[in-house]
Each structure stands twice: as structure tokens, then as C-alpha cells.
């Protein structure tokens, strides 16, 4: 679940292919836990709406602000305090679209058809019988689809668990994939949640949110699969040395996120937060693409190295600037997560904000 406090200040304006534009925030109410797909000319957006599961579609990112909305599931017996349904995601498996979501801290799935817009059968199926939220599908190359979710382990740590997806509505034996053991994952409450699969070339990552969602330290880290060993084993994954996307430039709580590819550009959408009086995080977008003029950096560079490279390459001071930079190898730079490509060798540009002089 995602944060409700802290300050929002940045209004980033991004240019897309063909002159289309969007401005942040993409959504100021019910913008938590964003998940986005692009299919046949439409963006399909899902976010937490607390009492139901909705899909919003539009032909542009800007259009999602007022896009066509469709409710595909509503709770039959909502609790008076609300906040019972969250983190819906759209996934296509063997030609059929499914929506995975959390309700009452359990993982559920709705079965659709050949189009992401539906219709969907509102007879939900429970994927896992125990406490579990933020379920997602990760396709591990050569090993098939896996269900990854935020689970509660016997030592009462909110962690990440993984299981083989036997059918779109059932899983095999599960194991603990990651626990919040690092200091940046343990601010106020130790948490691993909000996993999402990220792909580029022959590499597979899982991006996830860490630390308590109601702190400015709520951030995104990654797990990198080693490319050959059983993905059910935690030893087959390497955790990032720190968050790869975190609070900066007046935007806080950059946790649970999603990525999408469209028109050869890639976007990261994530939580940010409105002023203290707001009741829901805002939804922010980021542009990425190709450019021969952006400075190239190695992947997974530490933030101070990124800042030095950017300052040297652009001549721009780092205090309150939104800067674009480019990865020459295509997975993720600080603040930008890449997705699988057909060629595996294109250059991915990134937009990120840093605060302070570094």
C-alpha cells in the first residue's frame, strides 16, 4: 500500500513521438500502484481505487487524465473503513488477458478475453491462500511464468515470495525471494512489496518497493536474475546495492512502479505525493527514448557517479534540475528501468531528477 503524505512540487513536461505531449501528474486522485500496458494504439492504465477494479484507456498518456473508465469488479461487502482493494495489474497469458489484484490482503485474479478492455468474469479466483498482496507475473526466460508477490514470512517480515505459475489462476510451491535486510529497505517498517518484471536483452529484473510507504524513503530497488539457475532460489538473484529510484526534487515516496513500451519509447510511472492535505498519491510519468546527444553511463552506477557524469557532460548544476541521460547497455540507470527489446542493443534514454549539489 502506498503513501499519503509528503510534498509534491515538480511538474515535468515531456515530449513523445510525433509531437504528442503529457504533463505530470498524470493522476492526482487514486494514483497509487500504477500498472500500464500499450496494446493496438491504446494505453490501458490500472491504479488502486480502493473499493473496485477499474481500467482506464486512452490513445495518449495525456489522455489518461480524462480517459474512458470501466469498472470490471466491485467488492460485494466493503468494510466501513475502506481501502480494501489495490494494486491491479493486466497480464496476457496464452492469448487471454487476466487482471491480478489484492483484496483484503489476499491475491486474486479475474479472467478476461482476447482484449485488455474485457469483458472480464467477475467470479474472482484466489491465487494464494495466505496473506499476500501486490501480485505480478514475471516471465523468466527459459523457465516460464512465475507469480511474485509481497508475502509475510514466519519471522513476520513483509518480504517477496515467488512460485511457478501452473495455470493463470494457480501456483506451485513457493519460496522466499527477498527480505528487507538492507537499511534502505527498513525505514520505519521493514518492507518488500510492489514487485514488477523488467526485461531487456537476455536479462530479467524484478523491481520492487522497499521501506514503509508513508515515508519519503519509500523507494524502488531491483533483483537481477543470474540467467541460468532456478528462479525459485533466492541465490539466483542479486539485489541492487541501494534504491535505483528514490525521492528527489520535491517528489517523495517513489515506490510501487510500472513500465511500458510504446512507439519505441519507454515510460516509468510511479507514486509521488501531493501536499499533506491530499488523500491519495499522484501518478507521475517519465519519458525515455533514444538520443545521440545524451551522455552515456554504465548501468547500475552509484548515484554520486551519475551526478558527476551528468555535471561533467551537460555542464548543468545538479540542484533542482531534471536531467536526461542514456544507458549504453540498456537495463537501468538511476531512476529509469528498462524493458525487454527485440534487438537487445538499442540505447535507452532516461529522465530523472536529483536534489542537492551532489
Protein backbone atom coordinates (compact mmCIF):
# COMPACT_ATOMS: atom_id res chain seq x y z
CA UNK A 1 0.00 0.00 0.00
CA UNK A 2 1.19 3.42 -0.81
CA UNK A 3 1.95 6.65 0.94
CA UNK A 4 -0.41 9.55 1.50
CA UNK A 5 1.85 12.24 2.95
CA UNK A 6 4.71 14.49 1.81
CA UNK A 7 5.18 17.24 -0.73
CA UNK A 8 4.73 17.34 -4.48
CA UNK A 9 6.47 20.16 -6.34
CA UNK A 10 7.80 19.03 -9.70
CA UNK A 11 5.73 19.49 -12.86
CA UNK A 12 7.64 17.72 -15.60
CA UNK A 13 6.60 18.25 -19.21
CA UNK A 14 7.67 15.51 -21.61
CA UNK A 15 7.67 15.26 -25.39
CA UNK A 16 6.75 11.99 -27.06
CA UNK A 17 6.87 10.64 -30.61
CA UNK A 18 5.00 12.62 -33.25
CA UNK A 19 4.77 15.78 -31.16
CA UNK A 20 2.33 14.34 -28.62
CA UNK A 21 2.91 15.57 -25.07
CA UNK A 22 1.97 14.85 -21.49
CA UNK A 23 2.39 16.74 -18.26
CA UNK A 24 2.71 15.44 -14.73
CA UNK A 25 0.96 14.43 -12.64
CA UNK A 26 -0.98 12.01 -14.82
CA UNK A 27 -3.41 11.41 -11.98
CA UNK A 28 -3.89 13.36 -8.74
CA UNK A 29 -6.51 11.08 -7.13
CA UNK A 30 -6.29 7.30 -6.87
CA UNK A 31 -2.85 7.21 -8.50
CA UNK A 32 -1.25 4.50 -6.36
CA UNK A 33 0.27 1.25 -7.60
CA UNK A 34 0.22 2.16 -11.31
CA UNK A 35 0.32 -0.50 -14.00
CA UNK A 36 0.21 0.34 -17.71
CA UNK A 37 0.14 -1.62 -20.97
CA UNK A 38 0.07 -0.39 -24.56
CA UNK A 39 -1.96 -2.52 -26.99
CA UNK A 40 -3.15 -1.70 -30.53
CA UNK A 41 -2.92 2.06 -30.16
CA UNK A 42 -4.34 2.34 -26.63
CA UNK A 43 -2.77 2.84 -23.22
CA UNK A 44 -4.56 0.80 -20.56
CA UNK A 45 -3.96 2.09 -17.03
CA UNK A 46 -4.81 0.43 -13.73
CA UNK A 47 -4.32 2.03 -10.31
CA UNK A 48 -5.61 1.48 -6.79
CA UNK A 49 -9.18 2.74 -6.37
CA UNK A 50 -9.77 1.02 -3.01
CA UNK A 51 -13.30 -0.38 -3.48
CA UNK A 52 -13.23 -1.75 -7.03
CA UNK A 53 -11.02 -2.62 -10.00
CA UNK A 54 -11.03 -0.18 -12.91
CA UNK A 55 -9.35 0.08 -16.29
CA UNK A 56 -8.81 3.47 -17.93
CA UNK A 57 -7.85 3.70 -21.58
CA UNK A 58 -6.76 6.47 -23.93
CA UNK A 59 -4.71 6.85 -27.10
CA UNK A 60 -2.17 9.12 -25.39
CA UNK A 61 -0.65 9.34 -21.95
CA UNK A 62 -2.12 12.83 -21.53
CA UNK A 63 -5.50 11.39 -22.45
CA UNK A 64 -5.41 9.07 -19.44
CA UNK A 65 -6.30 12.05 -17.25
CA UNK A 66 -9.81 12.04 -18.69
CA UNK A 67 -9.78 8.64 -20.39
CA UNK A 68 -12.65 6.19 -20.74
CA UNK A 69 -13.04 4.25 -17.49
CA UNK A 70 -14.55 0.84 -16.98
CA UNK A 71 -15.21 -0.94 -13.69
CA UNK A 72 -14.68 -4.69 -14.02
CA UNK A 73 -15.03 -5.71 -10.38
CA UNK A 74 -16.64 -4.24 -7.25
CA UNK A 75 -16.40 -5.56 -3.70
CA UNK A 76 -19.60 -7.23 -2.53
CA UNK A 77 -19.14 -6.39 1.16
CA UNK A 78 -16.75 -3.47 1.58
CA UNK A 79 -15.60 -2.67 5.09
CA UNK A 80 -16.63 0.70 6.56
CA UNK A 81 -13.02 1.89 6.68
CA UNK A 82 -12.50 1.06 3.01
CA UNK A 83 -9.05 0.69 1.45
CA UNK A 84 -9.64 -3.00 0.73
CA UNK A 85 -8.76 -3.40 -2.97
CA UNK A 86 -5.48 -2.34 -4.51
CA UNK A 87 -2.61 -2.96 -6.95
CA UNK A 88 -4.47 -4.32 -10.03
CA UNK A 89 -2.35 -5.45 -13.00
CA UNK A 90 -3.09 -6.58 -16.56
CA UNK A 91 -1.24 -9.60 -17.93
CA UNK A 92 -1.67 -11.54 -21.18
CA UNK A 93 -1.10 -15.29 -20.84
CA UNK A 94 -1.54 -17.67 -23.77
CA UNK A 95 -3.68 -15.16 -25.67
CA UNK A 96 -6.00 -14.32 -22.78
CA UNK A 97 -5.90 -11.22 -20.55
CA UNK A 98 -6.03 -11.59 -16.78
CA UNK A 99 -6.26 -9.00 -14.00
CA UNK A 100 -4.38 -9.76 -10.78
CA UNK A 101 -5.25 -7.67 -7.73
CA UNK A 102 -5.22 -7.61 -3.93
CA UNK A 103 -8.33 -7.71 -1.77
CA UNK A 104 -8.41 -7.99 2.00
CA UNK A 105 -4.68 -8.77 1.87
CA UNK A 106 -5.09 -11.80 -0.36
CA UNK A 107 -4.18 -12.29 -4.05
CA UNK A 108 -6.94 -12.75 -6.64
CA UNK A 109 -7.34 -12.95 -10.42
CA UNK A 110 -10.11 -12.14 -12.92
CA UNK A 111 -10.27 -13.89 -16.30
CA UNK A 112 -10.85 -11.83 -19.43
CA UNK A 113 -10.64 -12.46 -23.16
CA UNK A 114 -8.53 -11.56 -26.15
CA UNK A 115 -8.56 -7.79 -25.49
CA UNK A 116 -7.35 -5.94 -22.38
CA UNK A 117 -10.59 -3.93 -22.30
CA UNK A 118 -12.51 -7.08 -21.46
CA UNK A 119 -15.09 -8.28 -20.76
CA UNK A 120 -13.94 -9.98 -17.53
CA UNK A 121 -15.59 -12.68 -15.48
CA UNK A 122 -16.24 -11.11 -12.07
CA UNK A 123 -16.03 -14.55 -10.45
CA UNK A 124 -12.60 -13.94 -8.93
CA UNK A 125 -10.21 -16.82 -8.21
CA UNK A 126 -7.84 -16.84 -5.24
CA UNK A 127 -4.26 -17.38 -6.34
CA UNK A 128 -2.69 -17.94 -2.92
CA UNK A 129 -4.45 -18.85 0.33
CA UNK A 130 -2.27 -16.96 2.79
CA UNK A 131 -1.52 -13.27 3.41
CA UNK A 132 -0.30 -11.80 0.13
CA UNK A 133 -0.55 -8.52 -1.80
CA UNK A 134 0.78 -6.84 -4.97
CA UNK A 135 0.89 -10.00 -7.08
CA UNK A 136 2.52 -9.84 -10.51
CA UNK A 137 3.59 -12.18 -13.32
CA UNK A 138 7.29 -12.45 -14.16
CA UNK A 139 8.32 -14.35 -17.29
CA UNK A 140 11.75 -15.81 -16.55
CA UNK A 141 13.39 -16.72 -19.84
CA UNK A 142 13.55 -20.50 -20.28
CA UNK A 143 11.70 -21.10 -17.00
CA UNK A 144 8.25 -19.77 -17.84
CA UNK A 145 5.82 -17.58 -15.94
CA UNK A 146 6.16 -17.08 -12.21
CA UNK A 147 3.87 -15.43 -9.68
CA UNK A 148 5.71 -12.95 -7.46
CA UNK A 149 4.02 -11.16 -4.57
CA UNK A 150 4.57 -9.48 -1.23
CA UNK A 151 4.20 -12.12 1.48
CA UNK A 152 4.55 -12.39 5.24
CA UNK A 153 7.24 -14.84 6.27
CA UNK A 154 7.27 -16.84 9.55
CA UNK A 155 9.64 -14.28 11.06
CA UNK A 156 6.94 -11.63 10.39
CA UNK A 157 8.87 -9.75 7.74
CA UNK A 158 6.95 -8.41 4.76
CA UNK A 159 9.04 -9.97 2.00
CA UNK A 160 8.82 -11.10 -1.63
CA UNK A 161 7.76 -14.66 -2.46
CA UNK A 162 7.88 -16.48 -5.79
CA UNK A 163 6.14 -19.57 -7.21
CA UNK A 164 5.83 -21.25 -10.58
CA UNK A 165 2.56 -20.27 -12.29
CA UNK A 166 0.89 -23.61 -13.04
CA UNK A 167 -2.19 -22.04 -14.63
CA UNK A 168 -3.22 -18.37 -14.72
CA UNK A 169 -5.21 -18.99 -11.53
CA UNK A 170 -2.97 -21.41 -9.61
CA UNK A 171 0.62 -21.67 -8.43
CA UNK A 172 3.05 -24.36 -7.31
CA UNK A 173 5.18 -24.48 -4.15
CA UNK A 174 6.58 -21.10 -3.22
CA UNK A 175 9.78 -19.82 -1.69
CA UNK A 176 11.05 -16.58 -0.20
CA UNK A 177 12.78 -14.50 -2.85
CA UNK A 178 13.83 -11.37 -0.98
CA UNK A 179 13.61 -10.00 2.55
CA UNK A 180 14.09 -6.40 3.73
CA UNK A 181 17.53 -6.83 5.20
CA UNK A 182 19.25 -3.66 3.98
CA UNK A 183 18.96 -0.32 5.84
CA UNK A 184 17.26 1.38 2.86
CA UNK A 185 14.56 -1.34 2.97
CA UNK A 186 13.81 -0.92 6.67
CA UNK A 187 12.86 2.74 7.22
CA UNK A 188 10.17 2.76 9.96
CA UNK A 189 8.95 -0.69 8.92
CA UNK A 190 10.95 -3.35 7.02
CA UNK A 191 9.09 -3.92 3.75
CA UNK A 192 9.50 -5.52 0.31
CA UNK A 193 6.40 -5.08 -1.88
CA UNK A 194 5.12 -3.96 -5.30
CA UNK A 195 7.21 -6.31 -7.49
CA UNK A 196 7.14 -5.95 -11.29
CA UNK A 197 9.09 -7.78 -14.00
CA UNK A 198 11.51 -5.80 -16.16
CA UNK A 199 13.25 -7.19 -19.21
CA UNK A 200 15.98 -6.13 -21.61
CA UNK A 201 18.06 -8.21 -23.94
CA UNK A 202 18.59 -11.52 -22.18
CA UNK A 203 18.31 -10.07 -18.69
CA UNK A 204 15.42 -10.22 -16.25
CA UNK A 205 14.94 -7.95 -13.26
CA UNK A 206 12.28 -7.63 -10.63
CA UNK A 207 11.78 -4.06 -9.49
CA UNK A 208 10.16 -3.72 -6.07
CA UNK A 209 9.28 -1.13 -3.45
CA UNK A 210 11.08 -1.02 -0.11
CA UNK A 211 10.56 0.65 3.29
CA UNK A 212 7.30 1.91 4.74
CA UNK A 213 5.05 3.54 2.14
CA UNK A 214 4.20 6.51 4.38
CA UNK A 215 7.78 7.73 4.50
CA UNK A 216 9.78 9.75 1.96
CA UNK A 217 12.21 6.82 1.92
CA UNK A 218 9.75 4.56 0.09
CA UNK A 219 11.84 3.67 -2.96
CA UNK A 220 12.44 1.17 -5.76
CA UNK A 221 15.16 -1.48 -5.71
CA UNK A 222 15.82 -4.36 -8.09
CA UNK A 223 16.66 -8.06 -8.15
CA UNK A 224 18.68 -9.30 -11.14
CA UNK A 225 18.31 -12.95 -12.18
CA UNK A 226 21.62 -14.68 -12.94
CA UNK A 227 20.26 -16.00 -16.25
CA UNK A 228 20.67 -19.72 -15.63
CA UNK A 229 19.74 -21.02 -12.19
CA UNK A 230 16.35 -21.86 -10.72
CA UNK A 231 14.45 -18.58 -10.21
CA UNK A 232 12.71 -20.09 -7.17
CA UNK A 233 16.03 -19.89 -5.33
CA UNK A 234 16.94 -16.56 -3.76
CA UNK A 235 20.60 -17.24 -4.57
CA UNK A 236 19.75 -16.96 -8.29
CA UNK A 237 19.02 -13.24 -7.82
CA UNK A 238 21.26 -10.30 -6.94
CA UNK A 239 19.82 -7.36 -5.05
CA UNK A 240 20.75 -3.82 -6.08
CA UNK A 241 23.21 -2.13 -3.73
CA UNK A 242 20.62 0.52 -2.92
CA UNK A 243 17.48 2.05 -4.39
CA UNK A 244 17.57 2.70 -8.14
CA UNK A 245 14.69 5.17 -7.95
CA UNK A 246 14.12 7.33 -4.89
CA UNK A 247 12.84 10.68 -3.61
CA UNK A 248 14.32 13.78 -5.20
CA UNK A 249 13.50 17.27 -6.44
CA UNK A 250 10.47 17.67 -4.19
CA UNK A 251 8.91 14.33 -5.11
CA UNK A 252 8.73 11.76 -2.34
CA UNK A 253 7.73 8.16 -1.89
CA UNK A 254 8.67 6.98 -5.38
CA UNK A 255 7.72 3.40 -4.72
CA UNK A 256 5.46 0.88 -6.48
CA UNK A 257 6.02 1.50 -10.19
CA UNK A 258 5.41 0.16 -13.70
CA UNK A 259 6.94 0.48 -17.16
CA UNK A 260 5.54 0.38 -20.68
CA UNK A 261 6.94 0.37 -24.21
CA UNK A 262 5.20 2.32 -26.97
CA UNK A 263 6.43 3.88 -30.23
CA UNK A 264 9.97 2.78 -29.29
CA UNK A 265 9.80 4.98 -26.21
CA UNK A 266 9.61 3.74 -22.65
CA UNK A 267 7.91 5.21 -19.66
CA UNK A 268 8.20 4.71 -15.96
CA UNK A 269 5.15 5.52 -13.85
CA UNK A 270 5.42 5.66 -10.12
CA UNK A 271 3.92 7.01 -6.91
CA UNK A 272 4.66 10.52 -5.84
CA UNK A 273 2.77 12.54 -3.27
CA UNK A 274 0.60 15.61 -3.11
CA UNK A 275 0.61 18.09 -0.19
CA UNK A 276 -0.25 16.93 3.30
CA UNK A 277 -3.98 17.55 2.86
CA UNK A 278 -4.21 15.12 -0.07
CA UNK A 279 -5.76 11.71 0.45
CA UNK A 280 -4.03 9.84 -2.36
CA UNK A 281 -0.63 9.81 -4.06
CA UNK A 282 -0.27 11.32 -7.51
CA UNK A 283 0.77 9.35 -10.57
CA UNK A 284 3.86 10.58 -12.42
CA UNK A 285 5.23 9.66 -15.85
CA UNK A 286 8.74 9.71 -17.24
CA UNK A 287 9.84 9.87 -20.86
CA UNK A 288 12.64 7.82 -22.33
CA UNK A 289 13.83 7.18 -25.85
CA UNK A 290 16.94 7.45 -27.99
CA UNK A 291 19.27 10.35 -28.42
CA UNK A 292 22.81 10.65 -29.70
CA UNK A 293 23.41 13.81 -27.66
CA UNK A 294 22.85 12.42 -24.17
CA UNK A 295 25.81 11.39 -22.04
CA UNK A 296 26.35 7.64 -21.83
CA UNK A 297 26.91 5.96 -18.49
CA UNK A 298 27.37 2.40 -17.37
CA UNK A 299 24.47 0.54 -15.87
CA UNK A 300 23.76 0.43 -12.17
CA UNK A 301 26.15 3.29 -11.49
CA UNK A 302 26.08 4.66 -7.98
CA UNK A 303 24.19 7.93 -7.62
CA UNK A 304 27.29 10.09 -6.89
CA UNK A 305 28.93 8.72 -10.06
CA UNK A 306 25.81 9.52 -12.07
CA UNK A 307 25.77 13.04 -10.70
CA UNK A 308 29.43 13.59 -11.56
CA UNK A 309 29.00 12.22 -15.09
CA UNK A 310 25.93 14.34 -15.72
CA UNK A 311 27.51 17.51 -14.42
CA UNK A 312 30.65 16.96 -16.48
CA UNK A 313 28.71 16.00 -19.63
CA UNK A 314 25.98 18.65 -19.50
CA UNK A 315 27.60 21.49 -17.60
CA UNK A 316 24.38 21.78 -15.60
CA UNK A 317 24.33 22.18 -11.83
CA UNK A 318 22.55 19.33 -10.08
CA UNK A 319 20.43 21.36 -7.69
CA UNK A 320 16.76 21.05 -8.69
CA UNK A 321 17.29 20.06 -12.32
CA UNK A 322 15.51 17.38 -14.30
CA UNK A 323 18.11 15.76 -16.47
CA UNK A 324 18.10 13.22 -19.26
CA UNK A 325 20.81 10.61 -19.58
CA UNK A 326 21.38 7.50 -21.60
CA UNK A 327 22.37 3.93 -20.88
CA UNK A 328 24.63 2.34 -23.47
CA UNK A 329 23.74 -1.22 -22.41
CA UNK A 330 20.02 -0.96 -21.87
CA UNK A 331 18.84 -2.10 -18.47
CA UNK A 332 18.51 0.68 -15.94
CA UNK A 333 20.19 3.87 -14.94
CA UNK A 334 19.49 5.80 -11.77
CA UNK A 335 15.78 6.41 -11.80
CA UNK A 336 14.92 4.56 -15.03
CA UNK A 337 14.11 0.92 -15.58
CA UNK A 338 14.35 -0.69 -19.00
CA UNK A 339 12.21 -3.34 -20.64
CA UNK A 340 12.96 -6.25 -22.96
CA UNK A 341 13.71 -5.34 -26.58
CA UNK A 342 13.81 -7.40 -29.73
CA UNK A 343 17.32 -6.36 -30.68
CA UNK A 344 18.81 -6.13 -27.22
CA UNK A 345 21.20 -3.35 -28.24
CA UNK A 346 19.24 -0.12 -28.57
CA UNK A 347 20.12 2.82 -26.36
CA UNK A 348 17.61 3.85 -23.73
CA UNK A 349 17.39 7.45 -22.62
CA UNK A 350 16.36 8.26 -19.10
CA UNK A 351 14.77 11.20 -17.34
CA UNK A 352 15.48 11.61 -13.68
CA UNK A 353 15.56 14.32 -11.04
CA UNK A 354 18.13 14.75 -8.29
CA UNK A 355 18.10 17.19 -5.44
CA UNK A 356 21.15 18.89 -3.99
CA UNK A 357 24.54 19.67 -5.41
CA UNK A 358 25.96 16.18 -5.00
